[in-house]
N, C-alpha and C. Protein backbone atom coordinates (compact mmCIF):
# COMPACT_ATOMS: atom_id res chain seq x y z
N UNK A 1 121.28 56.27 73.69
CA UNK A 1 121.70 54.91 73.95
C UNK A 1 121.83 54.72 75.46
N UNK A 2 121.21 53.68 75.96
CA UNK A 2 121.23 53.42 77.40
C UNK A 2 122.53 52.75 77.81
N UNK A 3 122.95 53.06 79.00
CA UNK A 3 124.11 52.42 79.61
C UNK A 3 123.61 51.21 80.40
N UNK A 4 124.43 50.21 80.54
CA UNK A 4 124.04 49.00 81.26
C UNK A 4 123.50 49.31 82.66
N UNK A 5 124.09 50.30 83.32
CA UNK A 5 123.69 50.63 84.69
C UNK A 5 122.36 51.37 84.77
N UNK A 6 121.86 51.89 83.66
CA UNK A 6 120.61 52.64 83.68
C UNK A 6 119.46 51.91 82.99
N UNK A 7 119.64 50.65 82.67
CA UNK A 7 118.58 49.88 82.00
C UNK A 7 117.41 49.65 82.96
N UNK A 8 116.20 49.50 82.41
CA UNK A 8 115.02 49.27 83.25
C UNK A 8 115.11 47.98 84.07
N UNK A 9 115.85 46.99 83.58
CA UNK A 9 116.09 45.76 84.34
C UNK A 9 117.57 45.76 84.69
N UNK A 10 117.90 46.02 85.95
CA UNK A 10 119.31 46.17 86.32
C UNK A 10 120.16 44.93 86.07
N UNK A 11 119.57 43.75 86.09
CA UNK A 11 120.32 42.52 85.87
C UNK A 11 120.10 41.96 84.47
N UNK A 12 119.74 42.83 83.53
CA UNK A 12 119.36 42.43 82.18
C UNK A 12 120.38 41.51 81.51
N UNK A 13 121.65 41.84 81.57
CA UNK A 13 122.68 41.06 80.88
C UNK A 13 122.81 39.64 81.41
N UNK A 14 122.29 39.37 82.57
CA UNK A 14 122.44 38.05 83.19
C UNK A 14 121.15 37.24 83.22
N UNK A 15 120.09 37.78 82.64
CA UNK A 15 118.81 37.07 82.67
C UNK A 15 118.77 35.97 81.62
N UNK A 16 118.33 34.77 82.01
CA UNK A 16 118.09 33.74 81.00
C UNK A 16 116.85 34.12 80.20
N UNK A 17 116.72 33.60 79.00
CA UNK A 17 115.62 33.99 78.11
C UNK A 17 114.25 33.77 78.76
N UNK A 18 114.08 32.69 79.53
CA UNK A 18 112.80 32.44 80.19
C UNK A 18 112.50 33.49 81.25
N UNK A 19 113.51 33.92 81.98
CA UNK A 19 113.32 34.95 82.99
C UNK A 19 113.05 36.30 82.35
N UNK A 20 113.72 36.56 81.24
CA UNK A 20 113.54 37.84 80.55
C UNK A 20 112.11 37.97 80.03
N UNK A 21 111.61 36.89 79.46
CA UNK A 21 110.27 36.91 78.87
C UNK A 21 109.20 37.32 79.88
N UNK A 22 109.30 36.83 81.09
CA UNK A 22 108.29 37.19 82.09
C UNK A 22 108.58 38.53 82.75
N UNK A 23 109.85 38.91 82.86
CA UNK A 23 110.19 40.17 83.52
C UNK A 23 109.88 41.39 82.67
N UNK A 24 109.94 41.27 81.32
CA UNK A 24 109.64 42.43 80.48
C UNK A 24 108.15 42.77 80.47
N UNK A 25 107.34 41.87 80.98
CA UNK A 25 105.89 42.14 81.03
C UNK A 25 105.55 43.32 81.93
N UNK A 26 106.44 43.65 82.86
CA UNK A 26 106.17 44.75 83.78
C UNK A 26 106.65 46.10 83.23
N UNK A 27 107.27 46.09 82.05
CA UNK A 27 107.85 47.32 81.50
C UNK A 27 106.88 48.04 80.57
N UNK A 28 107.09 49.34 80.45
CA UNK A 28 106.31 50.15 79.50
C UNK A 28 106.92 50.01 78.11
N UNK A 29 106.22 50.53 77.11
CA UNK A 29 106.73 50.47 75.73
C UNK A 29 108.07 51.19 75.61
N UNK A 30 108.21 52.33 76.27
CA UNK A 30 109.48 53.07 76.21
C UNK A 30 110.62 52.26 76.82
N UNK A 31 110.36 51.59 77.90
CA UNK A 31 111.40 50.79 78.55
C UNK A 31 111.79 49.58 77.70
N UNK A 32 110.81 48.95 77.06
CA UNK A 32 111.10 47.82 76.18
C UNK A 32 111.91 48.31 74.97
N UNK A 33 111.55 49.49 74.43
CA UNK A 33 112.31 50.07 73.32
C UNK A 33 113.77 50.32 73.74
N UNK A 34 113.95 50.78 74.95
CA UNK A 34 115.30 51.04 75.46
C UNK A 34 116.11 49.74 75.53
N UNK A 35 115.48 48.67 76.04
CA UNK A 35 116.16 47.37 76.10
C UNK A 35 116.46 46.83 74.70
N UNK A 36 115.51 47.01 73.78
CA UNK A 36 115.69 46.52 72.42
C UNK A 36 116.86 47.25 71.74
N UNK A 37 116.94 48.56 71.92
CA UNK A 37 118.05 49.33 71.35
C UNK A 37 119.37 48.89 71.96
N UNK A 38 119.40 48.66 73.27
CA UNK A 38 120.61 48.21 73.95
C UNK A 38 121.03 46.83 73.42
N UNK A 39 120.07 45.93 73.29
CA UNK A 39 120.37 44.58 72.81
C UNK A 39 120.91 44.61 71.39
N UNK A 40 120.29 45.38 70.53
CA UNK A 40 120.74 45.44 69.13
C UNK A 40 122.13 46.04 69.00
N UNK A 41 122.49 46.96 69.89
CA UNK A 41 123.81 47.58 69.79
C UNK A 41 124.89 46.81 70.54
N UNK A 42 124.50 45.80 71.30
CA UNK A 42 125.49 45.04 72.06
C UNK A 42 125.56 43.59 71.57
N UNK A 43 124.84 42.70 72.16
CA UNK A 43 124.94 41.28 71.82
C UNK A 43 124.13 40.92 70.57
N UNK A 44 123.00 41.60 70.36
CA UNK A 44 122.11 41.35 69.22
C UNK A 44 121.76 39.87 69.08
N UNK A 45 121.30 39.29 70.19
CA UNK A 45 120.89 37.88 70.20
C UNK A 45 119.49 37.77 69.63
N UNK A 46 119.34 36.96 68.59
CA UNK A 46 118.07 36.85 67.89
C UNK A 46 116.91 36.45 68.81
N UNK A 47 117.04 35.41 69.65
CA UNK A 47 115.90 35.07 70.52
C UNK A 47 115.50 36.22 71.44
N UNK A 48 116.47 36.98 71.92
CA UNK A 48 116.18 38.09 72.83
C UNK A 48 115.50 39.22 72.08
N UNK A 49 116.01 39.57 70.89
CA UNK A 49 115.37 40.65 70.13
C UNK A 49 113.96 40.27 69.72
N UNK A 50 113.73 38.98 69.45
CA UNK A 50 112.37 38.54 69.11
C UNK A 50 111.42 38.70 70.29
N UNK A 51 111.88 38.32 71.48
CA UNK A 51 111.05 38.46 72.69
C UNK A 51 110.71 39.93 72.92
N UNK A 52 111.71 40.78 72.83
CA UNK A 52 111.50 42.22 73.08
C UNK A 52 110.61 42.85 72.00
N UNK A 53 110.84 42.50 70.73
CA UNK A 53 110.03 43.06 69.64
C UNK A 53 108.58 42.61 69.75
N UNK A 54 108.38 41.34 70.12
CA UNK A 54 107.01 40.83 70.30
C UNK A 54 106.30 41.56 71.42
N UNK A 55 106.99 41.76 72.54
CA UNK A 55 106.37 42.47 73.67
C UNK A 55 106.08 43.92 73.30
N UNK A 56 106.97 44.54 72.55
CA UNK A 56 106.75 45.91 72.12
C UNK A 56 105.51 46.01 71.23
N UNK A 57 105.35 45.06 70.32
CA UNK A 57 104.15 45.02 69.47
C UNK A 57 102.89 44.87 70.31
N UNK A 58 102.96 44.00 71.33
CA UNK A 58 101.80 43.80 72.20
C UNK A 58 101.43 45.10 72.93
N UNK A 59 102.44 45.80 73.42
CA UNK A 59 102.18 47.06 74.14
C UNK A 59 101.61 48.11 73.20
N UNK A 60 102.11 48.18 72.00
CA UNK A 60 101.60 49.16 71.03
C UNK A 60 100.19 48.82 70.58
N UNK A 61 99.82 47.53 70.67
CA UNK A 61 98.47 47.10 70.29
C UNK A 61 97.48 47.27 71.44
N UNK A 62 97.94 47.78 72.58
CA UNK A 62 97.04 48.05 73.68
C UNK A 62 97.25 47.23 74.93
N UNK A 63 98.18 46.33 74.93
CA UNK A 63 98.45 45.54 76.14
C UNK A 63 98.96 46.45 77.24
N UNK A 64 98.65 46.11 78.45
CA UNK A 64 99.08 46.89 79.61
C UNK A 64 100.22 46.17 80.32
N UNK A 65 101.17 46.92 80.87
CA UNK A 65 102.22 46.27 81.67
C UNK A 65 101.59 45.56 82.88
N UNK A 66 102.12 44.41 83.19
CA UNK A 66 101.64 43.64 84.34
C UNK A 66 102.79 43.51 85.33
N UNK A 67 102.55 42.79 86.38
CA UNK A 67 103.60 42.61 87.38
C UNK A 67 104.62 41.57 86.93
N UNK A 68 104.37 40.86 85.83
CA UNK A 68 105.30 39.83 85.39
C UNK A 68 105.16 38.60 86.25
N UNK A 69 106.02 37.65 86.05
CA UNK A 69 105.99 36.41 86.80
C UNK A 69 106.94 36.52 87.98
N UNK A 70 106.40 36.60 89.20
CA UNK A 70 107.28 36.73 90.36
C UNK A 70 108.16 35.51 90.57
N UNK A 71 107.78 34.38 90.01
CA UNK A 71 108.57 33.17 90.17
C UNK A 71 109.59 32.96 89.07
N UNK A 72 109.77 33.97 88.20
CA UNK A 72 110.70 33.83 87.09
C UNK A 72 112.12 33.65 87.60
N UNK A 73 112.91 32.96 86.81
CA UNK A 73 114.30 32.72 87.17
C UNK A 73 115.04 34.04 87.20
N UNK A 74 115.74 34.28 88.28
CA UNK A 74 116.52 35.50 88.43
C UNK A 74 117.95 35.13 88.75
N UNK A 75 118.91 35.90 88.24
CA UNK A 75 120.31 35.56 88.50
C UNK A 75 120.65 35.47 89.98
N UNK A 76 120.02 36.29 90.79
CA UNK A 76 120.33 36.26 92.21
C UNK A 76 119.86 34.97 92.87
N UNK A 77 118.93 34.26 92.21
CA UNK A 77 118.46 32.99 92.75
C UNK A 77 119.38 31.84 92.39
N UNK A 78 120.22 32.01 91.39
CA UNK A 78 121.08 30.92 90.93
C UNK A 78 122.48 30.98 91.51
N UNK A 79 122.77 31.97 92.34
CA UNK A 79 124.09 32.06 92.93
C UNK A 79 124.30 30.93 93.92
N UNK A 80 125.51 30.44 93.96
CA UNK A 80 125.82 29.33 94.85
C UNK A 80 125.33 28.03 94.25
N UNK A 81 126.19 27.08 94.22
CA UNK A 81 125.81 25.80 93.65
C UNK A 81 125.29 24.89 94.73
N UNK A 82 124.26 24.16 94.39
CA UNK A 82 123.73 23.18 95.31
C UNK A 82 124.49 21.88 95.08
N UNK A 83 124.43 21.02 96.06
CA UNK A 83 125.12 19.75 95.92
C UNK A 83 124.45 18.91 94.84
N UNK A 84 125.24 18.12 94.19
CA UNK A 84 124.74 17.23 93.16
C UNK A 84 123.90 16.13 93.79
N UNK A 85 122.78 15.74 93.15
CA UNK A 85 121.99 14.63 93.69
C UNK A 85 122.68 13.29 93.49
N UNK A 86 123.74 13.26 92.68
CA UNK A 86 124.46 12.02 92.44
C UNK A 86 125.51 11.83 93.53
N UNK A 87 125.51 10.67 94.10
CA UNK A 87 126.50 10.32 95.13
C UNK A 87 126.92 8.88 94.88
N UNK A 88 127.93 8.41 95.57
CA UNK A 88 128.31 6.99 95.40
C UNK A 88 127.15 6.04 95.69
N UNK A 89 126.27 6.43 96.58
CA UNK A 89 125.14 5.57 96.91
C UNK A 89 124.12 5.53 95.77
N UNK A 90 123.90 6.66 95.09
CA UNK A 90 122.88 6.73 94.05
C UNK A 90 123.42 6.48 92.65
N UNK A 91 124.73 6.41 92.48
CA UNK A 91 125.27 6.19 91.14
C UNK A 91 125.24 4.70 90.79
N UNK A 92 125.23 4.42 89.50
CA UNK A 92 125.16 3.02 89.06
C UNK A 92 126.52 2.36 89.22
N UNK A 93 126.50 1.04 89.16
CA UNK A 93 127.73 0.27 89.28
C UNK A 93 128.60 0.53 88.06
N UNK A 94 129.91 0.60 88.23
CA UNK A 94 130.78 0.82 87.08
C UNK A 94 130.72 -0.37 86.13
N UNK A 95 130.81 -0.11 84.87
CA UNK A 95 130.75 -1.14 83.86
C UNK A 95 131.82 -0.85 82.82
N UNK A 96 132.72 -1.77 82.65
CA UNK A 96 133.76 -1.63 81.63
C UNK A 96 133.55 -2.74 80.62
N UNK A 97 133.17 -2.39 79.41
CA UNK A 97 132.98 -3.44 78.41
C UNK A 97 134.32 -4.10 78.10
N UNK A 98 134.29 -5.34 77.71
CA UNK A 98 135.53 -6.04 77.39
C UNK A 98 136.19 -5.42 76.17
N UNK A 99 137.49 -5.62 76.00
CA UNK A 99 138.16 -5.05 74.84
C UNK A 99 137.63 -5.61 73.53
N UNK A 100 137.10 -6.80 73.54
CA UNK A 100 136.42 -7.39 72.38
C UNK A 100 135.51 -8.49 72.90
N UNK A 101 134.58 -8.93 72.11
CA UNK A 101 133.60 -9.90 72.57
C UNK A 101 132.36 -9.17 73.06
N UNK A 102 131.50 -9.85 73.76
CA UNK A 102 130.29 -9.26 74.30
C UNK A 102 130.33 -9.38 75.81
N UNK A 103 129.50 -8.62 76.53
CA UNK A 103 129.54 -8.69 77.99
C UNK A 103 129.28 -10.10 78.55
N UNK A 104 128.45 -10.90 77.87
CA UNK A 104 128.19 -12.24 78.40
C UNK A 104 129.19 -13.27 77.87
N UNK A 105 129.96 -12.95 76.86
CA UNK A 105 131.01 -13.82 76.34
C UNK A 105 132.30 -13.02 76.29
N UNK A 106 133.00 -13.09 77.36
CA UNK A 106 134.21 -12.25 77.47
C UNK A 106 135.28 -12.74 76.52
N UNK A 107 135.89 -11.82 75.83
CA UNK A 107 136.98 -12.15 74.91
C UNK A 107 138.26 -12.38 75.69
N UNK A 108 139.21 -13.00 75.04
CA UNK A 108 140.50 -13.26 75.67
C UNK A 108 141.55 -12.38 75.00
N UNK A 109 142.46 -11.83 75.80
CA UNK A 109 143.54 -11.08 75.17
C UNK A 109 144.40 -11.98 74.31
N UNK A 110 145.05 -11.42 73.32
CA UNK A 110 145.84 -12.20 72.38
C UNK A 110 146.97 -12.97 73.06
N UNK A 111 147.49 -12.47 74.14
CA UNK A 111 148.59 -13.14 74.82
C UNK A 111 148.20 -14.46 75.46
N UNK A 112 146.89 -14.71 75.68
CA UNK A 112 146.44 -15.93 76.33
C UNK A 112 146.09 -17.03 75.34
N UNK A 113 146.28 -16.80 74.06
CA UNK A 113 145.90 -17.80 73.05
C UNK A 113 146.95 -18.91 72.97
N UNK A 114 146.52 -20.16 72.76
CA UNK A 114 147.48 -21.26 72.63
C UNK A 114 148.26 -21.25 71.33
């Protein structure tokens, strides 16, 4: 059983499924088996085990490890939050619907009735 610190992908526990899918392409069948065993004994997330099992089948059928997708999402790329694109300038005008009635026919509160 592999320890988290000795896994073929050192940041495995923090990879989003899309990043994992492209990063496992660079692993050998033994390394994918190691990740699959680790996943099944820890979180056992169905989408992750499916990705790993599919890649393992491909490798056993003759596929060769590749360099993977260098542009794949990596946890180290998501550190630090960027500013929100929403600002007071770009946000819409506040709108409070009336307590009753429609926006073009405003209702009157009960206290104002004759």
